[in-house]
Amino acid sequence: VQLQASGGGLVQAGGSLRLSCAASGRIYSSYVMGWFRQAPGKEREFVAAMRWSNTNTIYADAVKGRFAVSKNSGENTAYLQLNSVKPEDTAVYYCAASIQFTREPNEYFIWGQGTLVTVSS
């Protein structure tokens, strides 16, 4: 399975954006789809994750209540909805797959190429 992230772009502070993560093959029910981001000069950080089987989710404190993950099983696509964005949300956003319901990037073994989100103030 390969992952392709898309949907990034320029958005004003307070606005919304939806990122997509399309899988080239079937996403197994045992998978966990995660979202991470990396801002310039900073380490990659966890954003959110969702169990594919039951849509249980976990979020980083920095995005809780503003971002939401969802999926379309039929299209093997995961989504990250970004609402009320802030300049500090500016980063390259990555989707990834794991079999662990975890915030640890080292546990994710399939990574998409990233999509840039820029939030203007």
N, C-alpha and C. Protein backbone atom coordinates (compact mmCIF):
# COMPACT_ATOMS: atom_id res chain seq x y z
N VAL A 1 0.85 -1.19 0.00
CA VAL A 1 0.00 0.00 0.00
C VAL A 1 0.88 1.24 0.00
N GLN A 2 0.54 2.20 -0.85
CA GLN A 2 1.19 3.51 -0.84
C GLN A 2 0.16 4.57 -0.49
N LEU A 3 0.64 5.63 0.16
CA LEU A 3 -0.25 6.70 0.59
C LEU A 3 0.10 7.98 -0.16
N GLN A 4 -0.93 8.73 -0.52
CA GLN A 4 -0.75 9.99 -1.24
C GLN A 4 -1.55 11.06 -0.53
N ALA A 5 -0.84 12.00 0.09
CA ALA A 5 -1.51 13.11 0.77
C ALA A 5 -1.71 14.27 -0.20
N SER A 6 -2.82 14.97 -0.04
CA SER A 6 -3.11 16.12 -0.89
C SER A 6 -4.05 17.07 -0.16
N GLY A 7 -4.26 18.24 -0.76
CA GLY A 7 -5.22 19.19 -0.20
C GLY A 7 -4.60 20.37 0.50
N GLY A 8 -3.29 20.40 0.61
CA GLY A 8 -2.64 21.52 1.26
C GLY A 8 -2.74 22.78 0.44
N GLY A 9 -2.41 23.89 1.06
CA GLY A 9 -2.45 25.17 0.37
C GLY A 9 -2.33 26.32 1.34
N LEU A 10 -2.65 27.50 0.84
CA LEU A 10 -2.59 28.72 1.64
C LEU A 10 -3.99 29.02 2.18
N VAL A 11 -4.08 29.26 3.48
CA VAL A 11 -5.37 29.56 4.11
C VAL A 11 -5.14 30.65 5.14
N GLN A 12 -6.13 31.51 5.29
CA GLN A 12 -6.04 32.57 6.29
C GLN A 12 -6.33 32.03 7.68
N ALA A 13 -5.75 32.65 8.66
CA ALA A 13 -6.02 32.28 10.05
C ALA A 13 -7.53 32.32 10.30
N GLY A 14 -8.02 31.29 10.98
CA GLY A 14 -9.44 31.17 11.23
C GLY A 14 -10.20 30.39 10.18
N GLY A 15 -9.53 30.10 9.08
CA GLY A 15 -10.18 29.39 7.99
C GLY A 15 -10.11 27.89 8.15
N SER A 16 -10.53 27.19 7.09
CA SER A 16 -10.59 25.72 7.11
C SER A 16 -9.95 25.14 5.86
N LEU A 17 -9.56 23.90 6.00
CA LEU A 17 -8.93 23.17 4.90
C LEU A 17 -9.14 21.70 5.17
N ARG A 18 -9.29 20.90 4.10
CA ARG A 18 -9.40 19.46 4.29
C ARG A 18 -8.29 18.76 3.54
N LEU A 19 -7.54 17.97 4.25
CA LEU A 19 -6.49 17.17 3.65
C LEU A 19 -7.00 15.76 3.38
N SER A 20 -6.51 15.17 2.32
CA SER A 20 -6.88 13.81 1.97
C SER A 20 -5.65 12.92 1.96
N CYS A 21 -5.86 11.67 2.26
CA CYS A 21 -4.80 10.67 2.20
C CYS A 21 -5.37 9.46 1.48
N ALA A 22 -5.01 9.31 0.22
CA ALA A 22 -5.53 8.22 -0.60
C ALA A 22 -4.56 7.05 -0.61
N ALA A 23 -5.08 5.87 -0.37
CA ALA A 23 -4.26 4.66 -0.39
C ALA A 23 -4.37 3.99 -1.75
N SER A 24 -3.24 3.48 -2.22
CA SER A 24 -3.23 2.83 -3.54
C SER A 24 -3.86 1.45 -3.51
N GLY A 25 -3.96 0.90 -2.29
CA GLY A 25 -4.57 -0.41 -2.15
C GLY A 25 -5.51 -0.40 -0.96
N ARG A 26 -5.92 -1.58 -0.58
CA ARG A 26 -6.87 -1.70 0.52
C ARG A 26 -6.21 -1.33 1.84
N ILE A 27 -6.94 -0.56 2.63
CA ILE A 27 -6.53 -0.27 4.00
C ILE A 27 -7.18 -1.31 4.89
N TYR A 28 -6.37 -2.15 5.51
CA TYR A 28 -6.89 -3.24 6.31
C TYR A 28 -7.52 -2.72 7.60
N SER A 29 -8.47 -3.47 8.10
CA SER A 29 -9.18 -3.05 9.29
C SER A 29 -8.26 -2.94 10.50
N SER A 30 -7.14 -3.64 10.47
CA SER A 30 -6.19 -3.59 11.58
C SER A 30 -5.33 -2.33 11.56
N TYR A 31 -5.41 -1.57 10.49
CA TYR A 31 -4.56 -0.40 10.36
C TYR A 31 -5.06 0.76 11.22
N VAL A 32 -4.10 1.59 11.57
CA VAL A 32 -4.35 2.89 12.19
C VAL A 32 -3.80 3.94 11.22
N MET A 33 -4.62 4.89 10.88
CA MET A 33 -4.17 5.98 10.00
C MET A 33 -3.82 7.18 10.86
N GLY A 34 -2.59 7.63 10.71
CA GLY A 34 -2.12 8.76 11.51
C GLY A 34 -1.80 9.97 10.65
N TRP A 35 -1.86 11.11 11.29
CA TRP A 35 -1.46 12.37 10.66
C TRP A 35 -0.36 13.00 11.52
N PHE A 36 0.66 13.46 10.86
CA PHE A 36 1.78 14.14 11.51
C PHE A 36 2.06 15.43 10.76
N ARG A 37 2.83 16.30 11.40
CA ARG A 37 3.21 17.52 10.70
C ARG A 37 4.63 17.91 11.11
N GLN A 38 5.27 18.63 10.22
CA GLN A 38 6.61 19.11 10.50
C GLN A 38 6.73 20.55 10.02
N ALA A 39 6.94 21.43 10.98
CA ALA A 39 7.12 22.84 10.67
C ALA A 39 8.61 23.10 10.38
N PRO A 40 8.91 24.17 9.67
CA PRO A 40 10.32 24.47 9.36
C PRO A 40 11.17 24.56 10.62
N GLY A 41 12.27 23.82 10.63
CA GLY A 41 13.19 23.87 11.75
C GLY A 41 12.75 23.11 12.99
N LYS A 42 11.64 22.38 12.86
CA LYS A 42 11.13 21.63 14.01
C LYS A 42 11.03 20.15 13.69
N GLU A 43 10.91 19.35 14.75
CA GLU A 43 10.76 17.92 14.56
C GLU A 43 9.33 17.57 14.13
N ARG A 44 9.21 16.43 13.51
CA ARG A 44 7.89 15.94 13.13
C ARG A 44 7.09 15.66 14.40
N GLU A 45 5.82 16.09 14.40
CA GLU A 45 4.99 15.89 15.58
C GLU A 45 3.67 15.24 15.23
N PHE A 46 3.14 14.52 16.18
CA PHE A 46 1.86 13.84 16.02
C PHE A 46 0.73 14.86 15.98
N VAL A 47 -0.25 14.60 15.12
CA VAL A 47 -1.44 15.45 15.03
C VAL A 47 -2.69 14.66 15.45
N ALA A 48 -2.92 13.52 14.80
CA ALA A 48 -4.13 12.76 15.07
C ALA A 48 -3.98 11.35 14.51
N ALA A 49 -4.81 10.45 15.02
CA ALA A 49 -4.81 9.09 14.51
C ALA A 49 -6.20 8.50 14.65
N MET A 50 -6.51 7.55 13.77
CA MET A 50 -7.83 6.93 13.78
C MET A 50 -7.68 5.44 13.47
N ARG A 51 -8.34 4.62 14.28
CA ARG A 51 -8.43 3.20 13.97
C ARG A 51 -9.35 3.02 12.77
N TRP A 52 -8.87 2.30 11.76
CA TRP A 52 -9.69 2.12 10.57
C TRP A 52 -10.91 1.27 10.86
N SER A 53 -10.81 0.36 11.83
CA SER A 53 -11.90 -0.59 12.08
C SER A 53 -13.09 0.04 12.78
N ASN A 54 -12.84 0.97 13.70
CA ASN A 54 -13.96 1.47 14.50
C ASN A 54 -13.97 2.99 14.65
N THR A 55 -13.06 3.65 13.93
CA THR A 55 -12.95 5.13 13.91
C THR A 55 -12.64 5.73 15.27
N ASN A 56 -12.16 4.94 16.23
CA ASN A 56 -11.64 5.57 17.46
C ASN A 56 -10.53 6.53 17.07
N THR A 57 -10.48 7.66 17.77
CA THR A 57 -9.51 8.69 17.41
C THR A 57 -8.74 9.21 18.62
N ILE A 58 -7.55 9.70 18.37
CA ILE A 58 -6.78 10.43 19.36
C ILE A 58 -6.22 11.68 18.68
N TYR A 59 -6.09 12.74 19.44
CA TYR A 59 -5.61 14.01 18.90
C TYR A 59 -4.53 14.60 19.81
N ALA A 60 -3.65 15.33 19.19
CA ALA A 60 -2.70 16.13 19.96
C ALA A 60 -3.46 17.26 20.65
N ASP A 61 -3.01 17.65 21.81
CA ASP A 61 -3.69 18.72 22.55
C ASP A 61 -3.76 20.01 21.73
N ALA A 62 -2.74 20.25 20.91
CA ALA A 62 -2.68 21.51 20.16
C ALA A 62 -3.77 21.63 19.11
N VAL A 63 -4.37 20.49 18.71
CA VAL A 63 -5.37 20.55 17.64
C VAL A 63 -6.74 20.06 18.10
N LYS A 64 -6.82 19.54 19.32
CA LYS A 64 -8.08 18.98 19.82
C LYS A 64 -9.18 20.03 19.79
N GLY A 65 -10.31 19.65 19.23
CA GLY A 65 -11.43 20.57 19.12
C GLY A 65 -11.41 21.41 17.85
N ARG A 66 -10.30 21.40 17.12
CA ARG A 66 -10.20 22.17 15.87
C ARG A 66 -10.05 21.26 14.65
N PHE A 67 -9.34 20.18 14.81
CA PHE A 67 -9.10 19.25 13.71
C PHE A 67 -9.94 18.00 13.91
N ALA A 68 -10.26 17.34 12.82
CA ALA A 68 -11.04 16.11 12.91
C ALA A 68 -10.62 15.14 11.80
N VAL A 69 -10.47 13.88 12.17
CA VAL A 69 -10.14 12.86 11.19
C VAL A 69 -11.40 12.09 10.82
N SER A 70 -11.44 11.64 9.59
CA SER A 70 -12.55 10.84 9.12
C SER A 70 -12.04 9.95 8.00
N LYS A 71 -12.96 9.15 7.44
CA LYS A 71 -12.53 8.24 6.40
C LYS A 71 -13.67 7.96 5.43
N ASN A 72 -13.29 7.48 4.26
CA ASN A 72 -14.22 6.91 3.31
C ASN A 72 -13.67 5.53 2.98
N SER A 73 -14.23 4.52 3.62
CA SER A 73 -13.69 3.17 3.46
C SER A 73 -13.77 2.70 2.01
N GLY A 74 -14.86 3.04 1.35
CA GLY A 74 -15.04 2.59 -0.03
C GLY A 74 -14.00 3.14 -0.97
N GLU A 75 -13.47 4.31 -0.66
CA GLU A 75 -12.46 4.94 -1.50
C GLU A 75 -11.07 4.81 -0.91
N ASN A 76 -10.94 4.04 0.20
CA ASN A 76 -9.64 3.87 0.85
C ASN A 76 -8.94 5.21 1.07
N THR A 77 -9.69 6.15 1.60
CA THR A 77 -9.17 7.50 1.79
C THR A 77 -9.46 7.97 3.21
N ALA A 78 -8.45 8.56 3.81
CA ALA A 78 -8.60 9.20 5.12
C ALA A 78 -8.54 10.71 4.93
N TYR A 79 -9.18 11.41 5.85
CA TYR A 79 -9.23 12.86 5.76
C TYR A 79 -8.80 13.50 7.09
N LEU A 80 -8.25 14.68 6.98
CA LEU A 80 -7.98 15.50 8.15
C LEU A 80 -8.59 16.87 7.88
N GLN A 81 -9.64 17.18 8.63
CA GLN A 81 -10.31 18.48 8.50
C GLN A 81 -9.66 19.45 9.46
N LEU A 82 -9.16 20.55 8.92
CA LEU A 82 -8.52 21.58 9.73
C LEU A 82 -9.47 22.77 9.83
N ASN A 83 -9.90 23.09 11.02
CA ASN A 83 -10.77 24.23 11.26
C ASN A 83 -10.10 25.23 12.20
N SER A 84 -10.53 26.47 12.12
CA SER A 84 -10.00 27.52 13.00
C SER A 84 -8.47 27.48 13.02
N VAL A 85 -7.89 27.43 11.84
CA VAL A 85 -6.44 27.27 11.76
C VAL A 85 -5.72 28.51 12.28
N LYS A 86 -4.50 28.27 12.74
CA LYS A 86 -3.67 29.32 13.31
C LYS A 86 -2.34 29.34 12.55
N PRO A 87 -1.62 30.46 12.60
CA PRO A 87 -0.32 30.49 11.92
C PRO A 87 0.61 29.37 12.38
N GLU A 88 0.51 28.97 13.63
CA GLU A 88 1.37 27.90 14.13
C GLU A 88 1.00 26.51 13.60
N ASP A 89 -0.08 26.42 12.85
CA ASP A 89 -0.43 25.17 12.17
C ASP A 89 0.31 25.02 10.85
N THR A 90 1.05 26.04 10.44
CA THR A 90 1.81 25.97 9.21
C THR A 90 2.85 24.86 9.30
N ALA A 91 2.80 23.94 8.34
CA ALA A 91 3.69 22.78 8.36
C ALA A 91 3.44 21.94 7.12
N VAL A 92 4.34 20.99 6.90
CA VAL A 92 4.06 19.92 5.95
C VAL A 92 3.35 18.82 6.71
N TYR A 93 2.20 18.42 6.21
CA TYR A 93 1.38 17.41 6.85
C TYR A 93 1.56 16.08 6.13
N TYR A 94 1.76 15.04 6.93
CA TYR A 94 1.97 13.69 6.42
C TYR A 94 0.89 12.76 6.94
N CYS A 95 0.48 11.81 6.11
CA CYS A 95 -0.33 10.71 6.60
C CYS A 95 0.54 9.47 6.64
N ALA A 96 0.17 8.56 7.52
CA ALA A 96 0.97 7.37 7.73
C ALA A 96 0.09 6.25 8.24
N ALA A 97 0.58 5.02 8.12
CA ALA A 97 -0.18 3.86 8.56
C ALA A 97 0.63 3.04 9.55
N SER A 98 -0.08 2.51 10.53
CA SER A 98 0.52 1.67 11.56
C SER A 98 -0.48 0.58 11.92
N ILE A 99 -0.01 -0.38 12.73
CA ILE A 99 -0.95 -1.33 13.32
C ILE A 99 -1.06 -1.07 14.82
N GLN A 100 -0.41 -0.02 15.28
CA GLN A 100 -0.48 0.39 16.67
C GLN A 100 -1.28 1.69 16.77
N PHE A 101 -2.14 1.76 17.75
CA PHE A 101 -2.92 2.98 17.98
C PHE A 101 -2.07 3.88 18.86
N THR A 102 -1.20 4.67 18.22
CA THR A 102 -0.12 5.33 18.93
C THR A 102 0.17 6.71 18.35
N ARG A 103 0.83 7.52 19.17
CA ARG A 103 1.28 8.85 18.74
C ARG A 103 2.73 8.81 18.27
N GLU A 104 3.38 7.67 18.41
CA GLU A 104 4.80 7.57 18.12
C GLU A 104 5.06 7.38 16.62
N PRO A 105 5.75 8.32 15.98
CA PRO A 105 5.98 8.20 14.54
C PRO A 105 6.79 6.95 14.17
N ASN A 106 7.64 6.48 15.06
CA ASN A 106 8.45 5.29 14.75
C ASN A 106 7.62 4.03 14.58
N GLU A 107 6.37 4.05 15.06
CA GLU A 107 5.49 2.89 14.94
C GLU A 107 4.75 2.86 13.60
N TYR A 108 4.89 3.91 12.81
CA TYR A 108 4.21 3.98 11.52
C TYR A 108 5.17 3.54 10.43
N PHE A 109 4.72 2.59 9.59
CA PHE A 109 5.63 1.97 8.64
C PHE A 109 5.34 2.32 7.19
N ILE A 110 4.23 3.00 6.94
CA ILE A 110 3.94 3.49 5.58
C ILE A 110 3.70 4.99 5.71
N TRP A 111 4.38 5.78 4.87
CA TRP A 111 4.26 7.24 4.93
C TRP A 111 3.93 7.80 3.55
N GLY A 112 3.05 8.79 3.54
CA GLY A 112 2.81 9.55 2.32
C GLY A 112 3.88 10.61 2.16
N GLN A 113 3.82 11.34 1.05
CA GLN A 113 4.88 12.28 0.71
C GLN A 113 4.74 13.65 1.36
N GLY A 114 3.61 13.96 1.95
CA GLY A 114 3.43 15.25 2.61
C GLY A 114 2.76 16.28 1.73
N THR A 115 2.01 17.14 2.38
CA THR A 115 1.36 18.26 1.69
C THR A 115 1.49 19.49 2.57
N LEU A 116 1.86 20.62 1.94
CA LEU A 116 2.18 21.84 2.69
C LEU A 116 0.93 22.64 2.99
N VAL A 117 0.78 23.00 4.25
CA VAL A 117 -0.28 23.91 4.69
C VAL A 117 0.38 25.17 5.21
N THR A 118 -0.02 26.30 4.65
CA THR A 118 0.51 27.59 5.08
C THR A 118 -0.65 28.44 5.58
N VAL A 119 -0.57 28.89 6.82
CA VAL A 119 -1.61 29.71 7.41
C VAL A 119 -1.10 31.13 7.54
N SER A 120 -1.79 32.06 6.88
CA SER A 120 -1.39 33.46 6.95
C SER A 120 -2.15 34.17 8.06
N SER A 121 -1.49 35.12 8.68
CA SER A 121 -2.12 35.84 9.79
C SER A 121 -2.86 37.07 9.31
